C-alpha cells in the first residue's frame, strides 16, 4: 500500500489519531492535514519513517485543496467542531468545507472519498445538526460514490463526553440530567469508527452508514456509568430544558444553547440502516474501554 496516499483532513483531532493509526497499520502512506502542524508531529510514531507526513493546511482556504490532495488515492474528512469560534463556524466547516473538498477530489480523480459526519435529527433546530445535514448532501452531490459515516457520540481516551462529566463530578456535588435525562445515545468507540474508515477506503461501500455501539443508554444511565466508573456518588439533578437553556448562557457552563437543542432528540442508529455490522465490524462495549481511562 506504500504507493497509495490517503490524505486525512482533521488528522490531529481526537478521532484523527485513531484513523491515522488504523491506516498506517494497513500500510498506507498518510498525508495528515491540520491547522497546526505541531499537533500532528507525534502522529508519525504510528508508522514507519516517512509513512505519515504532517501537512499544514488552512481548512478555510478552499483554493488550497488542490495542492493538499494531489496524487491522493483516497481523501478522508474528519473536520468538525462542537462550538463555533470566530471563522470556525458550523456552516463553514461542516457544509462548505466538505463540499469544496469533494468537488476538488472528484476533479482530481480521487478514487475514495470518506466523510465523517454525525447522527443528527432532521427535525433538530440546532445549527450544528443543520450544517451536518447540508454537508452530507453537498458531498454526495459532488462525489456520488462517497462514503458518509455518521457516528453517535464517540468515546475514547481523549473524548469530550465521558471525560467531561467525569471532570464535572470531581468538583460538583451533583450531575445534571438535561431534559430529565431521557435522551438516548448509542456511544461508539473511536477505534471502531477508525476501522470503518479503513473498510471504506479498501472496500466498495458508498452512501450513508450510521455507527453506534452495541447498547443504547439514556442520558441518566450515562451519568450513572460515570459515577460507577469513577467510584463517586453524586446527586442526579433533573433540569428541564427551559432551565438548562438559561444556565447555558452562563460562561462556566460546559454546554451551549445549540448543544441543548441537540439533546432534544435521540442520538441512536435508526432501524433498517447500514451500520458497523454491515461493514463486518463488531461494536466495542463502553465497559471494555471507558473504565480504563475515566478513573
Protein backbone atom coordinates (compact mmCIF):
# COMPACT_ATOMS: atom_id res chain seq x y z
CA UNK A 1 0.00 0.00 0.00
CA UNK A 2 3.05 2.29 0.26
CA UNK A 3 2.33 3.86 -3.12
CA UNK A 4 -1.26 4.72 -2.16
CA UNK A 5 -1.62 8.09 -0.48
CA UNK A 6 -4.54 8.74 1.85
CA UNK A 7 -4.96 12.41 2.74
CA UNK A 8 -6.66 12.92 6.10
CA UNK A 9 -8.15 16.30 6.99
CA UNK A 10 -8.51 16.89 10.74
CA UNK A 11 -5.79 14.32 11.45
CA UNK A 12 -4.68 15.95 14.71
CA UNK A 13 -8.10 15.74 16.37
CA UNK A 14 -9.38 13.16 18.83
CA UNK A 15 -10.75 10.83 16.14
CA UNK A 16 -7.96 11.65 13.70
CA UNK A 17 -5.33 9.93 15.81
CA UNK A 18 -7.27 6.66 15.72
CA UNK A 19 -7.84 6.93 11.96
CA UNK A 20 -4.20 7.68 11.16
CA UNK A 21 -3.02 4.74 13.26
CA UNK A 22 -5.51 2.37 11.59
CA UNK A 23 -4.50 3.47 8.10
CA UNK A 24 -0.80 3.29 8.98
CA UNK A 25 -1.10 -0.27 10.25
CA UNK A 26 -2.77 -1.18 6.96
CA UNK A 27 0.29 0.14 5.12
CA UNK A 28 -0.98 3.33 3.51
CA UNK A 29 1.10 6.47 3.15
CA UNK A 30 -0.74 9.20 5.02
CA UNK A 31 -0.78 12.92 4.42
CA UNK A 32 -2.01 14.33 7.74
CA UNK A 33 -3.54 17.77 7.22
CA UNK A 34 -4.22 20.06 10.19
CA UNK A 35 -4.33 23.77 11.02
CA UNK A 36 -1.44 23.38 13.47
CA UNK A 37 1.27 21.07 12.18
CA UNK A 38 2.81 20.82 15.65
CA UNK A 39 -0.24 18.82 16.76
CA UNK A 40 0.46 16.28 14.02
CA UNK A 41 4.11 15.55 14.66
CA UNK A 42 3.53 12.86 17.28
CA UNK A 43 1.31 11.00 14.78
CA UNK A 44 4.46 9.87 12.99
CA UNK A 45 5.16 7.33 15.73
CA UNK A 46 2.17 5.33 14.45
CA UNK A 47 4.07 4.30 11.31
CA UNK A 48 7.50 3.75 9.84
CA UNK A 49 9.81 6.61 8.84
CA UNK A 50 8.22 8.72 6.11
CA UNK A 51 4.89 6.89 6.17
CA UNK A 52 2.99 9.70 7.92
CA UNK A 53 3.63 13.19 6.62
CA UNK A 54 2.19 16.14 8.61
CA UNK A 55 0.99 18.97 6.37
CA UNK A 56 -0.16 22.41 7.43
CA UNK A 57 -3.42 23.40 5.83
CA UNK A 58 -5.83 26.30 6.20
CA UNK A 59 -9.15 24.47 6.14
CA UNK A 60 -10.99 27.63 5.12
CA UNK A 61 -8.68 28.29 2.16
CA UNK A 62 -10.68 26.27 -0.32
CA UNK A 63 -8.30 27.13 -3.17
CA UNK A 64 -5.51 25.24 -1.41
CA UNK A 65 -7.28 21.88 -1.54
CA UNK A 66 -5.86 21.03 -4.96
CA UNK A 67 -2.28 21.02 -3.70
CA UNK A 68 -3.19 19.29 -0.44
CA UNK A 69 -4.82 16.26 -2.07
CA UNK A 70 -2.64 15.98 -5.18
CA UNK A 71 -1.94 12.34 -6.16
CA UNK A 72 -4.21 11.00 -3.38
CA UNK A 73 -5.83 7.60 -3.75
CA UNK A 74 -8.33 8.48 -1.01
CA UNK A 75 -9.40 11.57 0.93
CA UNK A 76 -10.81 11.35 4.46
CA UNK A 77 -12.55 14.34 6.04
CA UNK A 78 -12.79 14.30 9.84
CA UNK A 79 -13.13 18.04 10.37
CA UNK A 80 -15.79 19.09 12.86
CA UNK A 81 -16.36 21.41 15.80
CA UNK A 82 -18.82 21.26 18.69
CA UNK A 83 -18.73 25.01 19.29
CA UNK A 84 -18.41 27.90 16.88
CA UNK A 85 -15.42 30.20 17.34
CA UNK A 86 -14.79 33.13 15.03
CA UNK A 87 -14.40 31.97 11.44
CA UNK A 88 -14.53 28.34 12.59
CA UNK A 89 -18.30 28.20 12.22
CA UNK A 90 -20.61 25.26 11.66
CA UNK A 91 -21.59 26.24 8.12
CA UNK A 92 -18.00 26.95 7.07
CA UNK A 93 -16.53 23.69 8.41
CA UNK A 94 -19.45 21.26 8.20
CA UNK A 95 -21.08 22.32 4.94
CA UNK A 96 -18.94 24.48 2.64
CA UNK A 97 -15.60 22.88 3.50
CA UNK A 98 -16.58 19.25 2.73
CA UNK A 99 -18.44 20.40 -0.41
CA UNK A 100 -15.36 22.20 -1.79
CA UNK A 101 -13.15 19.26 -0.82
CA UNK A 102 -15.41 16.73 -2.53
CA UNK A 103 -15.58 18.84 -5.69
CA UNK A 104 -11.80 19.02 -5.86
CA UNK A 105 -11.40 15.32 -5.09
CA UNK A 106 -13.73 14.42 -7.95
CA UNK A 107 -11.91 16.82 -10.28
CA UNK A 108 -8.56 15.19 -9.50
CA UNK A 109 -9.82 11.65 -9.93
CA UNK A 110 -9.55 10.60 -6.29
CA UNK A 111 -10.93 7.05 -6.03
CA UNK A 112 -12.30 7.10 -2.47
CA UNK A 113 -13.87 9.96 -0.52
CA UNK A 114 -14.86 9.31 3.09
CA UNK A 115 -16.71 12.00 5.01
CA UNK A 116 -17.29 11.56 8.75
CA UNK A 117 -20.44 13.40 9.80
CA UNK A 118 -22.71 12.60 12.78
CA UNK A 119 -26.09 11.16 13.66
CA UNK A 120 -28.42 14.16 13.89
CA UNK A 121 -32.16 14.59 13.63
CA UNK A 122 -33.59 16.23 10.55
CA UNK A 123 -36.13 17.87 12.87
CA UNK A 124 -33.48 19.49 15.07
CA UNK A 125 -33.31 23.28 15.26
CA UNK A 126 -29.62 23.07 16.10
CA UNK A 127 -27.24 24.92 13.77
CA UNK A 128 -24.78 22.07 14.26
CA UNK A 129 -27.31 19.49 13.07
CA UNK A 130 -28.41 21.53 10.07
CA UNK A 131 -24.81 22.13 8.97
CA UNK A 132 -24.04 18.40 9.20
CA UNK A 133 -27.01 17.52 7.02
CA UNK A 134 -26.15 20.19 4.45
CA UNK A 135 -22.57 18.91 4.34
CA UNK A 136 -23.65 15.33 3.68
CA UNK A 137 -25.96 16.41 0.87
CA UNK A 138 -23.27 18.57 -0.73
CA UNK A 139 -20.67 15.79 -0.59
CA UNK A 140 -22.93 13.22 -2.24
CA UNK A 141 -23.90 15.71 -4.94
CA UNK A 142 -20.25 16.45 -5.76
CA UNK A 143 -18.93 12.90 -5.24
CA UNK A 144 -21.84 10.42 -5.60
CA UNK A 145 -19.67 7.40 -4.73
CA UNK A 146 -18.56 8.95 -1.41
CA UNK A 147 -18.96 7.11 1.89
CA UNK A 148 -20.68 9.08 4.66
CA UNK A 149 -20.04 7.75 8.17
CA UNK A 150 -22.47 9.07 10.81
CA UNK A 151 -21.40 8.07 14.35
CA UNK A 152 -23.36 8.57 17.53
CA UNK A 153 -21.39 10.14 20.39
CA UNK A 154 -17.80 8.85 20.11
CA UNK A 155 -15.87 7.64 23.16
CA UNK A 156 -12.17 7.02 23.68
CA UNK A 157 -9.29 8.06 25.93
CA UNK A 158 -9.42 11.76 24.97
CA UNK A 159 -13.17 12.09 24.33
CA UNK A 160 -15.20 15.16 25.19
CA UNK A 161 -18.14 13.19 26.53
CA UNK A 162 -17.41 10.77 29.35
CA UNK A 163 -14.32 12.77 30.32
CA UNK A 164 -16.32 15.99 30.56
CA UNK A 165 -18.84 14.61 33.02
CA UNK A 166 -16.14 12.75 34.95
CA UNK A 167 -14.30 16.07 35.36
CA UNK A 168 -17.52 17.72 36.49
CA UNK A 169 -18.00 15.03 39.13
CA UNK A 170 -14.67 15.99 40.70
CA UNK A 171 -15.95 19.36 41.86
CA UNK A 172 -19.73 19.30 41.67
CA UNK A 173 -21.95 17.59 44.26
CA UNK A 174 -24.47 16.83 41.51
CA UNK A 175 -24.61 15.78 37.87
CA UNK A 176 -27.24 17.40 35.60
CA UNK A 177 -29.97 15.40 33.92
CA UNK A 178 -30.74 17.68 30.98
CA UNK A 179 -34.38 17.39 30.00
CA UNK A 180 -34.83 14.82 32.74
CA UNK A 181 -32.08 12.59 31.36
CA UNK A 182 -34.36 10.85 28.85
CA UNK A 183 -32.35 11.49 25.67
CA UNK A 184 -30.91 8.24 24.33
CA UNK A 185 -27.41 7.70 22.97
CA UNK A 186 -25.58 4.79 21.35
CA UNK A 187 -21.91 5.53 22.20
CA UNK A 188 -19.45 4.18 19.64
CA UNK A 189 -15.74 3.52 20.21
CA UNK A 190 -13.35 5.77 18.27
CA UNK A 191 -11.36 2.69 17.25
CA UNK A 192 -14.47 1.21 15.61
CA UNK A 193 -15.10 4.43 13.67
CA UNK A 194 -11.47 4.37 12.52
CA UNK A 195 -11.90 0.77 11.44
CA UNK A 196 -14.98 1.80 9.43
CA UNK A 197 -12.88 4.47 7.69
CA UNK A 198 -10.32 1.82 6.72
CA UNK A 199 -13.02 -0.54 5.46
CA UNK A 200 -14.47 2.31 3.37
CA UNK A 201 -11.04 3.11 1.93
CA UNK A 202 -10.45 -0.53 1.00
CA UNK A 203 -13.98 -1.59 0.04
CA UNK A 204 -16.70 -0.68 -2.38
CA UNK A 205 -19.01 0.96 0.14
CA UNK A 206 -20.79 4.18 -0.79
CA UNK A 207 -23.64 6.19 0.67
CA UNK A 208 -24.52 6.65 4.32
CA UNK A 209 -23.74 4.44 7.32
CA UNK A 210 -24.84 5.10 10.92
CA UNK A 211 -22.34 3.97 13.52
CA UNK A 212 -23.32 3.07 17.07
CA UNK A 213 -22.13 0.81 19.86
CA UNK A 214 -23.73 -2.46 20.96
CA UNK A 215 -26.01 -0.82 23.54
CA UNK A 216 -28.31 2.21 23.87
CA UNK A 217 -28.14 4.31 27.04
CA UNK A 218 -30.30 7.12 28.35
CA UNK A 219 -28.56 10.30 29.46
CA UNK A 220 -29.44 9.34 33.04
CA UNK A 221 -27.84 5.91 32.65
CA UNK A 222 -24.68 7.52 31.27
CA UNK A 223 -24.45 9.72 34.37
CA UNK A 224 -24.78 6.58 36.49
CA UNK A 225 -21.98 4.97 34.48
CA UNK A 226 -19.78 7.98 35.16
CA UNK A 227 -20.36 7.54 38.89
CA UNK A 228 -19.78 3.80 38.65
CA UNK A 229 -16.52 4.11 36.73
CA UNK A 230 -15.13 6.99 38.84
CA UNK A 231 -16.40 5.44 42.09
CA UNK A 232 -18.01 8.75 43.08
CA UNK A 233 -21.50 9.23 44.45
CA UNK A 234 -23.25 12.35 43.20
CA UNK A 235 -26.80 13.68 43.23
CA UNK A 236 -28.54 13.34 39.86
CA UNK A 237 -30.35 16.65 39.40
CA UNK A 238 -33.14 16.77 36.77
CA UNK A 239 -33.04 20.02 34.81
CA UNK A 240 -35.92 20.86 32.45
CA UNK A 241 -34.84 22.18 29.07
CA UNK A 242 -36.02 25.72 29.79
CA UNK A 243 -33.87 25.94 32.92
CA UNK A 244 -30.92 24.36 31.10
CA UNK A 245 -31.27 26.99 28.37
CA UNK A 246 -30.91 29.75 30.96
CA UNK A 247 -27.88 28.09 32.55
CA UNK A 248 -26.25 27.56 29.15
CA UNK A 249 -25.82 31.31 28.83
CA UNK A 250 -23.50 31.37 31.85
CA UNK A 251 -19.77 31.43 31.00
CA UNK A 252 -18.70 28.41 33.08
CA UNK A 253 -21.43 26.02 31.91
CA UNK A 254 -19.89 23.40 29.53
CA UNK A 255 -23.00 23.02 27.33
CA UNK A 256 -24.02 25.63 24.76
CA UNK A 257 -27.55 26.61 23.77
CA UNK A 258 -27.05 24.87 20.43
CA UNK A 259 -25.96 21.63 22.13
CA UNK A 260 -29.10 21.73 24.26
CA UNK A 261 -31.15 21.76 21.06
CA UNK A 262 -29.32 18.58 20.02
CA UNK A 263 -30.29 16.92 23.30
CA UNK A 264 -33.98 17.26 22.45
CA UNK A 265 -33.57 14.38 20.01
CA UNK A 266 -32.24 10.84 20.46
CA UNK A 267 -28.79 10.07 19.07
CA UNK A 268 -29.13 6.43 18.08
CA UNK A 269 -28.79 4.30 14.96
CA UNK A 270 -32.09 4.13 13.05
CA UNK A 271 -33.79 0.88 12.19
CA UNK A 272 -33.04 -0.72 8.82
CA UNK A 273 -29.94 1.36 8.01
CA UNK A 274 -26.44 0.25 7.14
CA UNK A 275 -24.20 0.19 10.20
CA UNK A 276 -20.96 -1.26 11.63
CA UNK A 277 -22.25 -4.81 11.22
CA UNK A 278 -22.80 -4.14 7.51
CA UNK A 279 -19.08 -3.39 7.26
CA UNK A 280 -18.15 -6.52 9.19
CA UNK A 281 -17.22 -4.66 12.38
CA UNK A 282 -18.31 -5.87 15.82
CA UNK A 283 -19.05 -2.80 18.01
CA UNK A 284 -16.97 -2.37 21.16
CA UNK A 285 -18.73 -2.06 24.52
CA UNK A 286 -18.45 1.00 26.74
CA UNK A 287 -17.48 -1.32 29.58
CA UNK A 288 -14.49 -2.63 27.60
CA UNK A 289 -12.86 0.78 27.18
CA UNK A 290 -14.21 3.64 29.31
CA UNK A 291 -13.30 2.30 32.80
CA UNK A 292 -9.64 2.11 31.71
CA UNK A 293 -9.30 5.86 31.18
CA UNK A 294 -12.08 7.56 33.10
CA UNK A 295 -10.75 6.60 36.54
